[in-house]
Each structure stands twice: as C-alpha cells, then as structure tokens.
Amino acid sequence: MITNIDVSKIEASRGSKDAISNMKFNIAFDDVKVDKDNVHVGFTFSAFYDGESNGKGSSKEVGKLTITGRITSKEEKDLADEVQKTWETKKTLPLKFAEDVLNIITFECGARGTLIAYSMGFIAPLPMSRTKLQEGSNPSNVS
C-alpha cells in the first residue's frame, strides 16, 4: 500500500513560443531501497512538449516539465523481498507493484504538474489512460 509520495524537484523550461502539437511522457524508476516492509522508489516523471514538424519529418521540442521524487509503500515482507531481488537483478519492478507505482506517479505528477504547466503556457501533463503492464514490458523506464 502506497503511504507517501514526496516531490523533491520540479523543473520546467520553454525553448520557444511555438504552438504545442504533441505531448510525450516518460517515467523512470531511478532507484529502489527496501527497509524491512517499507519500499522506497525514486522516480523521474517527464512531459515533453513538441511543436509542429520542422519540415524534415521531426517535430521541434517546445518545452519540458520534469518532476523528481520518491514513493514509499508499506508491503508484506514477501513482496518487499521480491521487489528488492527484482530490482537488484533486473533493475525493474514486479509487474503488479510497478503498475500501482506508475499509476500513482501519473496521477500525482499530473495534478501537481498542472499548476507549473499553466504558468509556462503548457497544457496540463495528464496522460489519459491507466497504466496496465504485461509480461515482457520494461517497467523501469516507461514512455
């Protein structure tokens, strides 16, 4: 059960005043620490704002919003041990646990990032769907 989310840094930059035509998201798990039944997951949430195509097939980056923080979750000893083992061996998280963490990051960073985005002239960083992972996906760096 997720018990805390702590944001330690928010950065936003806008390189041009071009209209925004596309937004992409990335969530990276930076580190994982297990202390008895408490699991701490460091994360970086990024929203990339792109403008119209530059005529050469690629879009121009208009701006970026990044939120860095840590989630704490109180888990059964078996799951905490599985999280630690999976992180140490694969640098990823067990699927069900990763889904829960990704969904709370998406919700929290979307809500907190909306105020920053508004002040930068960006649209709110709100991914529209709930994250659902399946075997073979890489939940340590989700785009």
N, C-alpha and C. Protein backbone atom coordinates (compact mmCIF):
# COMPACT_ATOMS: atom_id res chain seq x y z
N MET A 1 0.84 -1.17 0.00
CA MET A 1 0.00 0.00 0.00
C MET A 1 0.89 1.25 0.00
N ILE A 2 0.65 2.11 -0.94
CA ILE A 2 1.44 3.34 -1.04
C ILE A 2 1.05 4.27 0.10
N THR A 3 2.05 4.70 0.86
CA THR A 3 1.79 5.52 2.05
C THR A 3 2.26 6.97 1.92
N ASN A 4 3.14 7.24 0.96
CA ASN A 4 3.66 8.61 0.84
C ASN A 4 4.24 8.85 -0.54
N ILE A 5 4.09 10.06 -1.01
CA ILE A 5 4.81 10.50 -2.21
C ILE A 5 5.42 11.85 -1.88
N ASP A 6 6.72 11.93 -2.12
CA ASP A 6 7.47 13.14 -1.78
C ASP A 6 8.14 13.67 -3.04
N VAL A 7 7.78 14.88 -3.42
CA VAL A 7 8.40 15.52 -4.58
C VAL A 7 9.58 16.34 -4.09
N SER A 8 10.75 16.11 -4.69
CA SER A 8 11.95 16.82 -4.27
C SER A 8 12.41 17.89 -5.25
N LYS A 9 11.97 17.78 -6.52
CA LYS A 9 12.41 18.76 -7.51
C LYS A 9 11.41 18.85 -8.65
N ILE A 10 11.15 20.08 -9.08
CA ILE A 10 10.33 20.32 -10.27
C ILE A 10 11.08 21.30 -11.14
N GLU A 11 11.22 20.95 -12.41
CA GLU A 11 11.88 21.83 -13.37
C GLU A 11 10.99 21.97 -14.60
N ALA A 12 10.95 23.17 -15.13
CA ALA A 12 10.20 23.40 -16.37
C ALA A 12 10.98 24.40 -17.21
N SER A 13 10.97 24.16 -18.51
CA SER A 13 11.62 25.10 -19.43
C SER A 13 10.82 25.16 -20.71
N ARG A 14 10.82 26.33 -21.32
CA ARG A 14 10.15 26.52 -22.60
C ARG A 14 11.13 27.19 -23.52
N GLY A 15 11.51 26.48 -24.58
CA GLY A 15 12.51 26.98 -25.51
C GLY A 15 11.96 27.87 -26.60
N SER A 16 10.65 27.75 -26.89
CA SER A 16 10.07 28.60 -27.92
C SER A 16 8.59 28.80 -27.60
N LYS A 17 8.02 29.81 -28.23
CA LYS A 17 6.60 30.12 -28.04
C LYS A 17 5.73 29.45 -29.10
N ASP A 18 6.32 28.51 -29.88
CA ASP A 18 5.55 27.80 -30.90
C ASP A 18 4.36 27.09 -30.26
N ALA A 19 3.32 26.90 -31.06
CA ALA A 19 2.15 26.16 -30.59
C ALA A 19 2.54 24.71 -30.32
N ILE A 20 1.95 24.15 -29.30
CA ILE A 20 2.21 22.76 -28.93
C ILE A 20 1.27 21.86 -29.72
N SER A 21 1.85 20.88 -30.41
CA SER A 21 1.04 19.97 -31.21
C SER A 21 1.09 18.54 -30.69
N ASN A 22 1.99 18.25 -29.78
CA ASN A 22 2.12 16.88 -29.28
C ASN A 22 2.76 16.90 -27.90
N MET A 23 2.39 15.91 -27.09
CA MET A 23 2.97 15.79 -25.76
C MET A 23 3.34 14.32 -25.56
N LYS A 24 4.55 14.06 -25.03
CA LYS A 24 5.01 12.70 -24.74
C LYS A 24 5.39 12.63 -23.27
N PHE A 25 5.25 11.44 -22.69
CA PHE A 25 5.56 11.24 -21.28
C PHE A 25 6.62 10.15 -21.11
N ASN A 26 7.38 10.27 -20.04
CA ASN A 26 8.33 9.22 -19.67
C ASN A 26 8.38 9.17 -18.14
N ILE A 27 8.33 7.96 -17.60
CA ILE A 27 8.50 7.76 -16.16
C ILE A 27 9.65 6.79 -15.99
N ALA A 28 10.66 7.21 -15.24
CA ALA A 28 11.82 6.35 -14.98
C ALA A 28 11.91 6.07 -13.49
N PHE A 29 12.20 4.81 -13.15
CA PHE A 29 12.50 4.45 -11.77
C PHE A 29 13.99 4.68 -11.59
N ASP A 30 14.36 5.59 -10.72
CA ASP A 30 15.76 5.95 -10.53
C ASP A 30 16.49 5.04 -9.57
N ASP A 31 15.82 4.66 -8.50
CA ASP A 31 16.43 3.75 -7.52
C ASP A 31 15.33 3.13 -6.68
N VAL A 32 15.66 2.01 -6.05
CA VAL A 32 14.74 1.32 -5.16
C VAL A 32 15.51 0.92 -3.92
N LYS A 33 14.92 1.22 -2.75
CA LYS A 33 15.52 0.82 -1.48
C LYS A 33 14.43 0.15 -0.64
N VAL A 34 14.79 -0.96 -0.02
CA VAL A 34 13.84 -1.68 0.83
C VAL A 34 14.37 -1.65 2.25
N ASP A 35 13.52 -1.20 3.19
CA ASP A 35 13.86 -1.13 4.61
C ASP A 35 12.76 -1.88 5.36
N LYS A 36 13.02 -3.15 5.67
CA LYS A 36 12.04 -4.06 6.28
C LYS A 36 10.83 -4.18 5.37
N ASP A 37 9.67 -3.62 5.76
CA ASP A 37 8.48 -3.72 4.92
C ASP A 37 8.18 -2.41 4.18
N ASN A 38 9.08 -1.45 4.24
CA ASN A 38 8.93 -0.19 3.51
C ASN A 38 9.75 -0.23 2.23
N VAL A 39 9.09 0.03 1.12
CA VAL A 39 9.75 0.07 -0.18
C VAL A 39 9.76 1.52 -0.64
N HIS A 40 10.95 2.03 -0.97
CA HIS A 40 11.12 3.42 -1.42
C HIS A 40 11.55 3.39 -2.89
N VAL A 41 10.78 4.04 -3.75
CA VAL A 41 11.06 4.06 -5.18
C VAL A 41 11.29 5.51 -5.61
N GLY A 42 12.53 5.80 -6.04
CA GLY A 42 12.84 7.11 -6.60
C GLY A 42 12.38 7.14 -8.04
N PHE A 43 11.82 8.27 -8.48
CA PHE A 43 11.29 8.35 -9.84
C PHE A 43 11.56 9.72 -10.46
N THR A 44 11.52 9.75 -11.79
CA THR A 44 11.53 10.99 -12.56
C THR A 44 10.41 10.91 -13.58
N PHE A 45 9.49 11.86 -13.49
CA PHE A 45 8.37 11.98 -14.44
C PHE A 45 8.71 13.13 -15.37
N SER A 46 8.64 12.89 -16.68
CA SER A 46 8.93 13.95 -17.65
C SER A 46 7.79 14.06 -18.65
N ALA A 47 7.43 15.29 -18.96
CA ALA A 47 6.47 15.58 -20.03
C ALA A 47 7.22 16.43 -21.05
N PHE A 48 7.21 15.99 -22.30
CA PHE A 48 7.89 16.69 -23.39
C PHE A 48 6.84 17.31 -24.30
N TYR A 49 6.96 18.59 -24.57
CA TYR A 49 6.02 19.31 -25.40
C TYR A 49 6.67 19.62 -26.74
N ASP A 50 6.04 19.15 -27.81
CA ASP A 50 6.58 19.34 -29.16
C ASP A 50 5.69 20.27 -29.96
N GLY A 51 6.33 20.98 -30.89
CA GLY A 51 5.61 21.86 -31.80
C GLY A 51 5.45 21.18 -33.15
N GLU A 52 5.05 21.96 -34.13
CA GLU A 52 4.85 21.44 -35.48
C GLU A 52 6.15 20.90 -36.05
N SER A 53 6.02 20.04 -37.04
CA SER A 53 7.16 19.45 -37.72
C SER A 53 8.04 20.54 -38.31
N ASN A 54 9.34 20.31 -38.30
CA ASN A 54 10.29 21.29 -38.84
C ASN A 54 10.45 21.16 -40.36
N GLY A 55 9.58 20.37 -40.99
CA GLY A 55 9.65 20.20 -42.43
C GLY A 55 10.56 19.06 -42.86
N LYS A 56 11.30 18.49 -41.92
CA LYS A 56 12.22 17.39 -42.23
C LYS A 56 11.72 16.09 -41.59
N GLY A 57 10.44 16.08 -41.19
CA GLY A 57 9.87 14.86 -40.64
C GLY A 57 9.92 14.74 -39.13
N SER A 58 10.66 15.60 -38.45
CA SER A 58 10.69 15.51 -36.99
C SER A 58 10.11 16.79 -36.40
N SER A 59 9.57 16.66 -35.19
CA SER A 59 8.96 17.81 -34.55
C SER A 59 10.00 18.58 -33.74
N LYS A 60 9.66 19.81 -33.46
CA LYS A 60 10.54 20.69 -32.71
C LYS A 60 10.14 20.67 -31.24
N GLU A 61 11.11 20.48 -30.33
CA GLU A 61 10.80 20.50 -28.90
C GLU A 61 10.52 21.93 -28.47
N VAL A 62 9.34 22.13 -27.89
CA VAL A 62 8.93 23.44 -27.42
C VAL A 62 9.29 23.62 -25.95
N GLY A 63 9.13 22.55 -25.16
CA GLY A 63 9.42 22.66 -23.74
C GLY A 63 9.39 21.31 -23.05
N LYS A 64 9.69 21.37 -21.74
CA LYS A 64 9.80 20.15 -20.96
C LYS A 64 9.44 20.45 -19.51
N LEU A 65 8.77 19.50 -18.86
CA LEU A 65 8.43 19.57 -17.45
C LEU A 65 8.93 18.29 -16.80
N THR A 66 9.71 18.41 -15.73
CA THR A 66 10.27 17.24 -15.05
C THR A 66 9.98 17.32 -13.56
N ILE A 67 9.48 16.22 -13.01
CA ILE A 67 9.21 16.13 -11.57
C ILE A 67 9.97 14.93 -11.03
N THR A 68 10.77 15.15 -10.01
CA THR A 68 11.56 14.09 -9.38
C THR A 68 11.08 13.90 -7.95
N GLY A 69 11.00 12.64 -7.52
CA GLY A 69 10.54 12.39 -6.17
C GLY A 69 10.74 10.97 -5.73
N ARG A 70 10.04 10.62 -4.67
CA ARG A 70 10.17 9.29 -4.07
C ARG A 70 8.81 8.85 -3.54
N ILE A 71 8.47 7.61 -3.83
CA ILE A 71 7.25 7.00 -3.32
C ILE A 71 7.64 6.00 -2.24
N THR A 72 6.88 5.98 -1.14
CA THR A 72 7.08 4.98 -0.09
C THR A 72 5.83 4.11 -0.04
N SER A 73 6.06 2.81 0.05
CA SER A 73 4.97 1.85 0.09
C SER A 73 5.24 0.84 1.19
N LYS A 74 4.22 0.57 2.00
CA LYS A 74 4.33 -0.44 3.05
C LYS A 74 3.78 -1.74 2.48
N GLU A 75 4.62 -2.78 2.45
CA GLU A 75 4.25 -4.04 1.80
C GLU A 75 4.50 -5.22 2.73
N GLU A 76 3.86 -6.33 2.40
CA GLU A 76 4.14 -7.59 3.09
C GLU A 76 5.61 -7.91 2.87
N LYS A 77 6.21 -8.60 3.83
CA LYS A 77 7.64 -8.94 3.77
C LYS A 77 8.00 -9.67 2.47
N ASP A 78 7.15 -10.62 2.06
CA ASP A 78 7.44 -11.39 0.83
C ASP A 78 7.51 -10.49 -0.39
N LEU A 79 6.56 -9.55 -0.52
CA LEU A 79 6.57 -8.65 -1.67
C LEU A 79 7.76 -7.69 -1.59
N ALA A 80 8.05 -7.18 -0.40
CA ALA A 80 9.20 -6.28 -0.24
C ALA A 80 10.49 -7.00 -0.66
N ASP A 81 10.63 -8.27 -0.25
CA ASP A 81 11.81 -9.04 -0.65
C ASP A 81 11.85 -9.26 -2.16
N GLU A 82 10.68 -9.53 -2.77
CA GLU A 82 10.62 -9.72 -4.22
C GLU A 82 10.99 -8.44 -4.96
N VAL A 83 10.51 -7.30 -4.46
CA VAL A 83 10.85 -6.02 -5.08
C VAL A 83 12.36 -5.80 -5.04
N GLN A 84 12.96 -6.03 -3.87
CA GLN A 84 14.40 -5.84 -3.74
C GLN A 84 15.18 -6.78 -4.66
N LYS A 85 14.80 -8.03 -4.69
CA LYS A 85 15.51 -9.01 -5.53
C LYS A 85 15.37 -8.66 -7.01
N THR A 86 14.15 -8.32 -7.44
CA THR A 86 13.92 -7.98 -8.84
C THR A 86 14.71 -6.73 -9.23
N TRP A 87 14.73 -5.73 -8.35
CA TRP A 87 15.49 -4.51 -8.65
C TRP A 87 16.99 -4.81 -8.75
N GLU A 88 17.51 -5.58 -7.80
CA GLU A 88 18.95 -5.89 -7.80
C GLU A 88 19.38 -6.70 -9.01
N THR A 89 18.53 -7.62 -9.47
CA THR A 89 18.92 -8.50 -10.57
C THR A 89 18.55 -7.96 -11.95
N LYS A 90 17.41 -7.25 -12.05
CA LYS A 90 16.92 -6.82 -13.36
C LYS A 90 16.76 -5.31 -13.53
N LYS A 91 16.93 -4.56 -12.45
CA LYS A 91 16.71 -3.10 -12.46
C LYS A 91 15.31 -2.76 -12.95
N THR A 92 14.36 -3.56 -12.50
CA THR A 92 12.95 -3.35 -12.79
C THR A 92 12.15 -3.72 -11.55
N LEU A 93 10.82 -3.64 -11.63
CA LEU A 93 9.95 -3.97 -10.51
C LEU A 93 8.98 -5.07 -10.92
N PRO A 94 8.49 -5.86 -9.94
CA PRO A 94 7.45 -6.84 -10.26
C PRO A 94 6.24 -6.13 -10.90
N LEU A 95 5.59 -6.76 -11.88
CA LEU A 95 4.57 -6.10 -12.69
C LEU A 95 3.45 -5.45 -11.89
N LYS A 96 2.80 -6.18 -11.00
CA LYS A 96 1.66 -5.61 -10.27
C LYS A 96 2.10 -4.43 -9.42
N PHE A 97 3.24 -4.56 -8.76
CA PHE A 97 3.77 -3.46 -7.95
C PHE A 97 4.10 -2.26 -8.84
N ALA A 98 4.73 -2.52 -9.98
CA ALA A 98 5.09 -1.44 -10.92
C ALA A 98 3.84 -0.72 -11.42
N GLU A 99 2.78 -1.45 -11.71
CA GLU A 99 1.52 -0.83 -12.15
C GLU A 99 1.01 0.15 -11.12
N ASP A 100 0.97 -0.28 -9.86
CA ASP A 100 0.47 0.59 -8.79
C ASP A 100 1.33 1.85 -8.67
N VAL A 101 2.64 1.66 -8.71
CA VAL A 101 3.56 2.80 -8.60
C VAL A 101 3.41 3.75 -9.79
N LEU A 102 3.36 3.20 -11.00
CA LEU A 102 3.21 4.05 -12.19
C LEU A 102 1.90 4.83 -12.17
N ASN A 103 0.83 4.20 -11.74
CA ASN A 103 -0.46 4.89 -11.72
C ASN A 103 -0.49 6.01 -10.69
N ILE A 104 0.11 5.83 -9.53
CA ILE A 104 0.13 6.91 -8.54
C ILE A 104 1.06 8.03 -9.00
N ILE A 105 2.18 7.70 -9.64
CA ILE A 105 3.07 8.73 -10.18
C ILE A 105 2.34 9.54 -11.24
N THR A 106 1.65 8.85 -12.14
CA THR A 106 0.91 9.54 -13.20
C THR A 106 -0.14 10.48 -12.62
N PHE A 107 -0.89 10.00 -11.65
CA PHE A 107 -1.93 10.83 -11.04
C PHE A 107 -1.33 12.03 -10.31
N GLU A 108 -0.37 11.76 -9.42
CA GLU A 108 0.22 12.83 -8.60
C GLU A 108 0.96 13.86 -9.45
N CYS A 109 1.76 13.39 -10.39
CA CYS A 109 2.54 14.34 -11.21
C CYS A 109 1.64 15.10 -12.18
N GLY A 110 0.58 14.46 -12.64
CA GLY A 110 -0.38 15.18 -13.47
C GLY A 110 -1.05 16.30 -12.70
N ALA A 111 -1.46 16.00 -11.47
CA ALA A 111 -2.12 17.01 -10.64
C ALA A 111 -1.15 18.12 -10.24
N ARG A 112 0.02 17.76 -9.74
CA ARG A 112 0.99 18.77 -9.31
C ARG A 112 1.58 19.53 -10.49
N GLY A 113 1.79 18.84 -11.59
CA GLY A 113 2.38 19.46 -12.77
C GLY A 113 1.46 20.43 -13.48
N THR A 114 0.15 20.29 -13.26
CA THR A 114 -0.81 21.16 -13.93
C THR A 114 -0.56 22.63 -13.58
N LEU A 115 -0.29 22.91 -12.33
CA LEU A 115 -0.05 24.30 -11.92
C LEU A 115 1.21 24.88 -12.57
N ILE A 116 2.26 24.08 -12.61
CA ILE A 116 3.51 24.53 -13.25
C ILE A 116 3.29 24.68 -14.75
N ALA A 117 2.64 23.70 -15.36
CA ALA A 117 2.39 23.75 -16.80
C ALA A 117 1.62 25.01 -17.18
N TYR A 118 0.61 25.34 -16.42
CA TYR A 118 -0.20 26.52 -16.69
C TYR A 118 0.67 27.79 -16.68
N SER A 119 1.56 27.89 -15.71
CA SER A 119 2.40 29.09 -15.62
C SER A 119 3.42 29.17 -16.75
N MET A 120 3.73 28.04 -17.39
CA MET A 120 4.68 28.02 -18.51
C MET A 120 3.98 28.14 -19.87
N GLY A 121 2.65 28.13 -19.86
CA GLY A 121 1.90 28.17 -21.11
C GLY A 121 1.79 26.81 -21.77
N PHE A 122 1.96 25.73 -20.99
CA PHE A 122 1.81 24.36 -21.48
C PHE A 122 0.40 23.87 -21.20
N ILE A 123 0.01 22.80 -21.86
CA ILE A 123 -1.21 22.12 -21.49
C ILE A 123 -0.89 21.20 -20.31
N ALA A 124 -1.90 20.84 -19.54
CA ALA A 124 -1.70 20.01 -18.35
C ALA A 124 -1.09 18.66 -18.73
N PRO A 125 -0.12 18.17 -17.94
CA PRO A 125 0.53 16.89 -18.23
C PRO A 125 -0.29 15.72 -17.72
N LEU A 126 -1.43 15.49 -18.36
CA LEU A 126 -2.36 14.47 -17.89
C LEU A 126 -2.48 13.32 -18.88
N PRO A 127 -1.73 12.23 -18.67
CA PRO A 127 -1.93 11.05 -19.51
C PRO A 127 -3.37 10.56 -19.32
N MET A 128 -3.99 10.14 -20.38
CA MET A 128 -5.41 9.83 -20.34
C MET A 128 -5.77 8.41 -19.89
N SER A 129 -4.84 7.50 -19.92
CA SER A 129 -5.21 6.12 -19.60
C SER A 129 -4.48 5.62 -18.37
N ARG A 130 -5.08 4.62 -17.74
CA ARG A 130 -4.47 3.95 -16.60
C ARG A 130 -3.41 2.99 -17.15
N THR A 131 -2.27 2.91 -16.51
CA THR A 131 -1.19 2.04 -16.95
C THR A 131 -1.53 0.59 -16.63
N LYS A 132 -1.37 -0.27 -17.62
CA LYS A 132 -1.55 -1.72 -17.45
C LYS A 132 -0.34 -2.38 -18.09
N LEU A 133 0.46 -3.07 -17.29
CA LEU A 133 1.67 -3.73 -17.79
C LEU A 133 1.40 -5.20 -18.06
N GLN A 134 2.21 -5.76 -18.94
CA GLN A 134 2.13 -7.19 -19.22
C GLN A 134 3.54 -7.75 -19.27
N GLU A 135 3.64 -9.05 -19.12
CA GLU A 135 4.95 -9.72 -19.16
C GLU A 135 5.69 -9.34 -20.42
N GLY A 136 6.98 -9.07 -20.30
CA GLY A 136 7.80 -8.69 -21.46
C GLY A 136 7.97 -7.19 -21.58
N SER A 137 7.18 -6.41 -20.84
CA SER A 137 7.36 -4.95 -20.86
C SER A 137 8.47 -4.59 -19.90
N ASN A 138 9.00 -3.38 -20.02
CA ASN A 138 10.10 -2.94 -19.17
C ASN A 138 9.61 -1.81 -18.29
N PRO A 139 9.09 -2.11 -17.08
CA PRO A 139 8.53 -1.06 -16.23
C PRO A 139 9.55 -0.19 -15.53
N SER A 140 10.85 -0.33 -15.81
CA SER A 140 11.82 0.54 -15.16
C SER A 140 11.99 1.84 -15.95
N ASN A 141 11.48 1.89 -17.17
CA ASN A 141 11.57 3.11 -17.98
C ASN A 141 10.41 3.07 -18.98
N VAL A 142 9.29 3.66 -18.60
CA VAL A 142 8.07 3.58 -19.38
C VAL A 142 7.84 4.89 -20.11
N SER A 143 7.56 4.81 -21.39
CA SER A 143 7.25 6.00 -22.19
C SER A 143 5.77 6.04 -22.48
